Each structure stands twice: as C-alpha cells, then as structure tokens.
C-alpha cells in the first residue's frame, strides 16, 4: 500500500497492497520493476534522464527523477543504482527511510555502510541476475540480525525467481557466480554456437541445439541431483567423440580459467566497498555534495 509504513504480518500479506520504489531503473532495475508489477505491486521507478522516465511511464510504471519522493511514498525500497552513484543517492533519501525495509542490489556495499548512511532503515543486500526477466533469477539475500521484514522482502524478491538467504560473507562470491553468471554462460553459449558453425551446422539450428542442450542439462541435474561429473561420465565412452572433445577442453584450461575469473570477480566486489567508503568520507562534510540526481 502507499504510505510510509510497510505492510507486514508474518506470511499473511498481500503484495498487491504494496507500493515499492526502485531507485535507478536501468537494466536490472527496470527488470525488477516489471517483476514486481507482475505480482500486483504499484511501482515507483526513478531515473535521471527525461527520456528514460518517459520509457518507464510507457511501460506502465509511475516514474520520476525525485528519489526522495519515491521513498516517501513507498512501503519498501530497492536501490539499483551503480555503486559509485550511491553516496549522492544516500544523501537524498537518508531522511525518509526510517522504519522501512531498504534492499540494496548494488555490488560490494556492505550492511554496515548501508546502516551508517540510511539511519533508521532496516537494510538488506540482495543480488539478483538478468534471468529475472523470465522469472528465473537466482537471488541471494542478506538479512540483518532480527530482521522484522525479512519474509516480506523474500516474498517481493520471489517475484523474480528463487531466493536464497546467505551470510554476508558469501554475497560477494554470489555476485561473481550468480550475478555475473548469465554473462559467463552467454560467452560459453556463443563459443558453442561458433563451434557448431565451424563444423557446418547452420546458425539457427546451432542456436537451438546449444540452448536446448543447456536447458535440458540443467533440468536433468535439478531433477536428478547427481554430481555433474557423473553426468559427464554417463555421456563419455572409451575412444568416442565426447572424450575427444573433453581432452581438448582440459588441455586449454577451461576450468582453470572459470575458477580464476570467479575469484577475480569476487575480489573486485570486495574492493568496491572500500572505494565507496572512501568516497563517502571525502564528501561527508561537503554541503554541496549530492545535490544532483544519481
């Protein structure tokens, strides 16, 4: 429902009663807005450019450049701006968040910084991924100790797909694995399609073959929870085509490259927190800071 007090009654609440603010309705923010709207919530989405605001309105959302207004009207707040835009945003909304659940989907910014910059709010961290567009996000959620609105927040996030509650020390790794995962998987899909083209399969057939193989494999592993290596061994026969392909992949170091990529991405998410905290300290005493929209 609209207003300054979140709706919460254990598991007995109607999402259609909620007004939620999505601050920073860019790529992931607009996907979140669409997912929340599909569950019946009233969405107030914010953006900087007039063109973007008009596009959001054409999608059926209430849209504005006024972040403080959106927060005042909302029962729950989701922050989807880029991490480096957060210091300015925090100054705009800090006086309007008390008593509300505020969920950050920004990489790298820990709960302690969110609590410090959003006094009185019940702050959470979440990391969805692009698959929210088809309601198949794997969303990691970090809740504060003794969270009053956790079930409500989980219910809202479940409009995008599955929600997994995590300790905060794992959220940077989740960002690297699940948040960046669709991009990494898309690279693998593109490589498989190029490989299919190299052996003469037409592009449209190659695309379908690769996607169906990936979807089918994922469904197989979910329905029959075995180690992926067991599936691999079931397909691999002595002297066959599969072992020939696997030998090349192993020789090129695909697994090592993926492990290194995820480790580096996790470390990058952790560094973001230090960089944002330094920005907050630099601008803490600047009366002119944060005047513009993030």
Protein backbone atom coordinates (compact mmCIF):
# COMPACT_ATOMS: atom_id res chain seq x y z
CA UNK A 1 0.00 0.00 0.00
CA UNK A 2 1.11 3.58 -0.46
CA UNK A 3 2.37 5.46 2.54
CA UNK A 4 5.28 5.49 4.92
CA UNK A 5 4.65 2.26 6.86
CA UNK A 6 5.50 -1.13 5.37
CA UNK A 7 2.85 -3.85 5.28
CA UNK A 8 3.97 -6.81 7.36
CA UNK A 9 2.07 -9.64 9.03
CA UNK A 10 4.31 -12.68 9.03
CA UNK A 11 3.46 -14.60 5.87
CA UNK A 12 -0.02 -13.11 5.72
CA UNK A 13 0.25 -10.06 3.50
CA UNK A 14 -0.85 -9.18 0.00
CA UNK A 15 1.81 -7.93 -2.34
CA UNK A 16 -0.91 -6.12 -4.27
CA UNK A 17 -1.24 -3.81 -1.25
CA UNK A 18 2.33 -2.61 -1.63
CA UNK A 19 3.94 0.39 -3.23
CA UNK A 20 7.62 -0.25 -3.88
CA UNK A 21 10.29 2.16 -5.04
CA UNK A 22 13.01 1.06 -7.46
CA UNK A 23 15.72 3.69 -7.34
CA UNK A 24 17.78 3.55 -10.51
CA UNK A 25 15.59 1.78 -13.06
CA UNK A 26 18.31 0.96 -15.56
CA UNK A 27 18.75 -2.53 -16.98
CA UNK A 28 18.37 -4.63 -13.83
CA UNK A 29 16.23 -2.01 -12.10
CA UNK A 30 13.63 -1.96 -14.87
CA UNK A 31 13.56 -5.78 -14.88
CA UNK A 32 12.94 -5.70 -11.15
CA UNK A 33 10.19 -3.12 -11.63
CA UNK A 34 8.50 -5.32 -14.23
CA UNK A 35 8.73 -8.37 -11.98
CA UNK A 36 7.25 -6.53 -9.02
CA UNK A 37 4.49 -5.08 -11.15
CA UNK A 38 3.61 -8.55 -12.44
CA UNK A 39 2.95 -9.55 -8.81
CA UNK A 40 0.45 -6.72 -8.50
CA UNK A 41 2.60 -4.14 -6.71
CA UNK A 42 2.47 -0.46 -7.51
CA UNK A 43 5.96 0.53 -8.65
CA UNK A 44 7.56 3.95 -8.49
CA UNK A 45 10.70 3.84 -10.63
CA UNK A 46 13.34 6.55 -10.70
CA UNK A 47 15.77 7.58 -13.40
CA UNK A 48 17.87 10.62 -14.27
CA UNK A 49 17.03 11.32 -17.90
CA UNK A 50 13.68 12.57 -19.13
CA UNK A 51 13.83 10.06 -21.99
CA UNK A 52 14.29 7.15 -19.58
CA UNK A 53 11.46 8.39 -17.37
CA UNK A 54 9.14 8.55 -20.38
CA UNK A 55 10.06 4.98 -21.37
CA UNK A 56 9.30 3.78 -17.85
CA UNK A 57 5.93 5.51 -17.93
CA UNK A 58 5.16 3.87 -21.24
CA UNK A 59 5.83 0.53 -19.52
CA UNK A 60 3.10 1.39 -17.02
CA UNK A 61 5.17 2.49 -14.03
CA UNK A 62 4.94 5.67 -12.06
CA UNK A 63 8.30 7.26 -12.87
CA UNK A 64 10.15 10.27 -11.53
CA UNK A 65 13.62 11.76 -11.09
CA UNK A 66 12.82 12.57 -7.45
CA UNK A 67 14.28 9.77 -5.34
CA UNK A 68 13.12 11.31 -2.05
CA UNK A 69 9.52 11.42 -3.30
CA UNK A 70 9.67 7.76 -4.36
CA UNK A 71 11.00 6.71 -0.96
CA UNK A 72 8.40 8.72 0.94
CA UNK A 73 5.56 7.09 -0.98
CA UNK A 74 6.90 3.53 -0.88
CA UNK A 75 6.43 0.75 1.65
CA UNK A 76 9.67 -0.94 0.57
CA UNK A 77 12.67 0.49 -1.24
CA UNK A 78 15.07 -1.19 -3.68
CA UNK A 79 18.33 0.54 -4.59
CA UNK A 80 19.59 -0.43 -8.04
CA UNK A 81 21.93 2.44 -8.89
CA UNK A 82 25.58 1.85 -9.77
CA UNK A 83 27.73 1.63 -6.62
CA UNK A 84 29.56 4.87 -7.40
CA UNK A 85 26.24 6.72 -7.59
CA UNK A 86 25.26 5.61 -4.10
CA UNK A 87 26.87 8.39 -1.99
CA UNK A 88 24.81 11.06 -3.75
CA UNK A 89 21.66 8.94 -3.58
CA UNK A 90 22.10 8.25 0.13
CA UNK A 91 22.18 11.97 0.89
CA UNK A 92 18.93 12.46 -0.99
CA UNK A 93 16.96 9.73 0.79
CA UNK A 94 18.56 9.41 4.23
CA UNK A 95 15.85 11.44 5.93
CA UNK A 96 12.98 9.39 4.52
CA UNK A 97 13.92 5.75 5.13
CA UNK A 98 13.42 5.29 8.87
CA UNK A 99 11.26 2.27 9.69
CA UNK A 100 11.27 0.91 6.14
CA UNK A 101 12.91 -2.13 4.58
CA UNK A 102 15.57 -0.92 2.14
CA UNK A 103 17.14 -3.52 -0.14
CA UNK A 104 20.39 -2.79 -1.96
CA UNK A 105 21.18 -4.73 -5.13
CA UNK A 106 24.46 -2.84 -5.53
CA UNK A 107 27.61 -4.91 -5.66
CA UNK A 108 30.13 -4.55 -2.89
CA UNK A 109 28.44 -2.21 -0.40
CA UNK A 110 28.12 -3.97 2.99
CA UNK A 111 25.31 -3.74 5.51
CA UNK A 112 27.44 -1.68 7.90
CA UNK A 113 27.78 1.09 5.29
CA UNK A 114 24.10 0.92 4.40
CA UNK A 115 23.14 1.21 8.08
CA UNK A 116 25.54 4.13 8.53
CA UNK A 117 24.20 6.08 5.56
CA UNK A 118 20.50 5.15 5.87
CA UNK A 119 19.75 5.75 9.57
CA UNK A 120 16.67 4.01 10.91
CA UNK A 121 16.10 1.81 7.86
CA UNK A 122 16.07 -1.99 8.04
CA UNK A 123 18.70 -2.63 5.39
CA UNK A 124 19.24 -5.75 3.29
CA UNK A 125 21.55 -6.78 0.48
CA UNK A 126 20.31 -8.77 -2.47
CA UNK A 127 21.90 -9.92 -5.71
CA UNK A 128 19.51 -10.99 -8.47
CA UNK A 129 20.58 -11.66 -12.03
CA UNK A 130 19.36 -10.86 -15.51
CA UNK A 131 17.26 -14.03 -15.61
CA UNK A 132 14.72 -12.15 -13.51
CA UNK A 133 13.36 -11.02 -16.89
CA UNK A 134 11.92 -14.54 -17.30
CA UNK A 135 11.31 -15.07 -13.55
CA UNK A 136 14.31 -17.40 -13.27
CA UNK A 137 16.66 -15.26 -11.20
CA UNK A 138 18.81 -16.92 -8.56
CA UNK A 139 18.69 -14.12 -6.00
CA UNK A 140 20.97 -14.10 -2.98
CA UNK A 141 19.64 -12.27 0.09
CA UNK A 142 21.49 -11.00 3.16
CA UNK A 143 19.16 -10.03 6.00
CA UNK A 144 20.15 -8.10 9.14
CA UNK A 145 20.00 -9.89 12.52
CA UNK A 146 16.49 -9.97 13.92
CA UNK A 147 15.00 -8.63 10.69
CA UNK A 148 11.36 -7.64 11.08
CA UNK A 149 10.50 -7.54 7.39
CA UNK A 150 12.53 -10.49 6.08
CA UNK A 151 9.55 -12.60 4.98
CA UNK A 152 8.05 -9.62 3.19
CA UNK A 153 11.33 -8.87 1.40
CA UNK A 154 11.75 -12.52 0.40
CA UNK A 155 8.20 -12.59 -0.97
CA UNK A 156 8.83 -9.48 -3.06
CA UNK A 157 12.13 -10.83 -4.41
CA UNK A 158 10.49 -14.18 -5.22
CA UNK A 159 8.57 -12.37 -7.96
CA UNK A 160 11.88 -12.59 -9.88
CA UNK A 161 12.58 -16.28 -9.22
CA UNK A 162 14.21 -18.27 -6.42
CA UNK A 163 15.58 -16.55 -3.33
CA UNK A 164 18.49 -17.95 -1.31
CA UNK A 165 19.32 -16.50 2.10
CA UNK A 166 23.07 -16.12 2.62
CA UNK A 167 25.51 -14.93 5.28
CA UNK A 168 27.01 -11.62 4.24
CA UNK A 169 30.49 -13.08 3.81
CA UNK A 170 29.21 -15.03 0.80
CA UNK A 171 27.42 -12.24 -1.06
CA UNK A 172 30.49 -11.05 -2.99
CA UNK A 173 31.08 -14.60 -4.19
CA UNK A 174 27.38 -14.90 -5.05
CA UNK A 175 27.71 -11.71 -7.08
CA UNK A 176 30.54 -13.28 -9.07
CA UNK A 177 28.83 -16.65 -9.56
CA UNK A 178 25.12 -15.87 -9.88
CA UNK A 179 25.14 -12.14 -10.65
CA UNK A 180 27.82 -12.39 -13.35
CA UNK A 181 26.86 -15.95 -14.22
CA UNK A 182 24.49 -15.16 -17.11
CA UNK A 183 27.25 -13.20 -18.88
CA UNK A 184 29.74 -16.03 -18.39
CA UNK A 185 27.22 -18.61 -19.57
CA UNK A 186 26.35 -16.42 -22.57
CA UNK A 187 30.03 -16.42 -23.53
CA UNK A 188 30.06 -20.21 -23.35
CA UNK A 189 26.89 -20.41 -25.45
CA UNK A 190 28.40 -18.11 -28.07
CA UNK A 191 31.52 -20.27 -28.18
CA UNK A 192 29.43 -23.41 -28.65
CA UNK A 193 27.46 -21.79 -31.46
CA UNK A 194 30.67 -20.73 -33.21
CA UNK A 195 31.97 -24.28 -32.80
CA UNK A 196 28.79 -25.64 -34.39
CA UNK A 197 29.17 -23.22 -37.30
CA UNK A 198 32.78 -24.40 -37.73
CA UNK A 199 31.59 -27.96 -38.32
CA UNK A 200 28.85 -26.93 -40.74
CA UNK A 201 25.66 -26.63 -38.69
CA UNK A 202 23.51 -23.66 -39.84
CA UNK A 203 23.28 -20.81 -37.34
CA UNK A 204 19.58 -21.19 -36.48
CA UNK A 205 19.98 -24.92 -35.84
CA UNK A 206 23.19 -24.33 -33.90
CA UNK A 207 21.47 -21.78 -31.67
CA UNK A 208 18.57 -24.11 -30.88
CA UNK A 209 20.83 -27.13 -30.37
CA UNK A 210 23.06 -25.31 -27.88
CA UNK A 211 20.22 -23.71 -25.92
CA UNK A 212 18.20 -26.92 -25.73
CA UNK A 213 21.28 -28.84 -24.60
CA UNK A 214 21.99 -26.34 -21.82
CA UNK A 215 18.37 -26.11 -20.66
CA UNK A 216 17.98 -29.89 -20.78
CA UNK A 217 21.21 -30.48 -18.87
CA UNK A 218 20.20 -28.03 -16.15
CA UNK A 219 16.77 -29.64 -15.81
CA UNK A 220 18.35 -33.10 -15.74
CA UNK A 221 20.69 -32.12 -12.91
CA UNK A 222 17.89 -30.47 -10.94
CA UNK A 223 15.54 -33.43 -11.36
CA UNK A 224 18.25 -35.99 -10.68
CA UNK A 225 20.69 -34.31 -8.29
CA UNK A 226 23.92 -36.07 -9.17
CA UNK A 227 27.40 -34.55 -9.40
CA UNK A 228 27.96 -33.02 -12.85
CA UNK A 229 30.94 -35.32 -13.25
CA UNK A 230 28.58 -38.30 -13.08
CA UNK A 231 26.53 -36.91 -15.96
CA UNK A 232 29.77 -36.35 -17.87
CA UNK A 233 30.85 -39.94 -17.28
CA UNK A 234 27.47 -41.27 -18.43
CA UNK A 235 27.93 -39.50 -21.78
CA UNK A 236 31.62 -40.31 -22.21
CA UNK A 237 32.52 -43.63 -23.85
CA UNK A 238 36.03 -45.02 -24.46
CA UNK A 239 37.56 -43.64 -27.62
CA UNK A 240 34.41 -41.72 -28.51
CA UNK A 241 33.61 -38.20 -29.60
CA UNK A 242 32.94 -36.86 -26.10
CA UNK A 243 36.31 -37.85 -24.64
CA UNK A 244 37.99 -36.33 -27.69
CA UNK A 245 36.24 -33.02 -27.03
CA UNK A 246 36.88 -33.15 -23.28
CA UNK A 247 40.58 -33.76 -23.82
CA UNK A 248 40.85 -30.56 -25.87
CA UNK A 249 38.87 -28.55 -23.30
CA UNK A 250 41.05 -29.82 -20.47
CA UNK A 251 44.17 -29.01 -22.43
CA UNK A 252 43.01 -25.42 -22.98
CA UNK A 253 42.37 -24.94 -19.27
CA UNK A 254 38.67 -24.01 -19.38
CA UNK A 255 38.01 -24.98 -15.75
CA UNK A 256 41.06 -23.10 -14.52
CA UNK A 257 40.01 -20.00 -16.46
CA UNK A 258 36.50 -20.07 -14.99
CA UNK A 259 37.77 -20.54 -11.44
CA UNK A 260 40.21 -17.67 -11.86
CA UNK A 261 37.51 -15.45 -13.37
CA UNK A 262 35.14 -16.02 -10.45
CA UNK A 263 37.89 -15.46 -7.89
CA UNK A 264 38.89 -12.17 -9.52
CA UNK A 265 35.25 -11.02 -9.78
CA UNK A 266 34.70 -11.83 -6.10
CA UNK A 267 37.77 -9.80 -5.15
CA UNK A 268 36.54 -6.89 -7.27
CA UNK A 269 33.21 -6.86 -5.45
CA UNK A 270 35.04 -6.74 -2.13
CA UNK A 271 37.21 -3.80 -3.29
CA UNK A 272 34.12 -1.80 -4.23
CA UNK A 273 33.16 -1.48 -0.56
CA UNK A 274 36.48 0.18 0.31
CA UNK A 275 36.24 2.55 -2.65
CA UNK A 276 32.67 3.60 -1.84
CA UNK A 277 33.51 4.11 1.84
CA UNK A 278 36.39 6.38 0.82
CA UNK A 279 34.01 8.37 -1.39
CA UNK A 280 31.56 8.76 1.50
CA UNK A 281 34.29 10.01 3.81
CA UNK A 282 35.55 12.50 1.21
CA UNK A 283 32.11 14.04 0.71
CA UNK A 284 30.86 13.81 4.31
CA UNK A 285 31.46 17.49 5.02
CA UNK A 286 30.56 18.86 1.59
CA UNK A 287 27.30 20.85 1.81
CA UNK A 288 27.07 20.97 -1.97
CA UNK A 289 27.59 17.24 -2.44
CA UNK A 290 24.74 15.05 -3.57
CA UNK A 291 22.60 17.86 -4.91
CA UNK A 292 22.01 16.19 -8.26
CA UNK A 293 20.21 13.01 -9.14
CA UNK A 294 22.33 9.85 -9.23
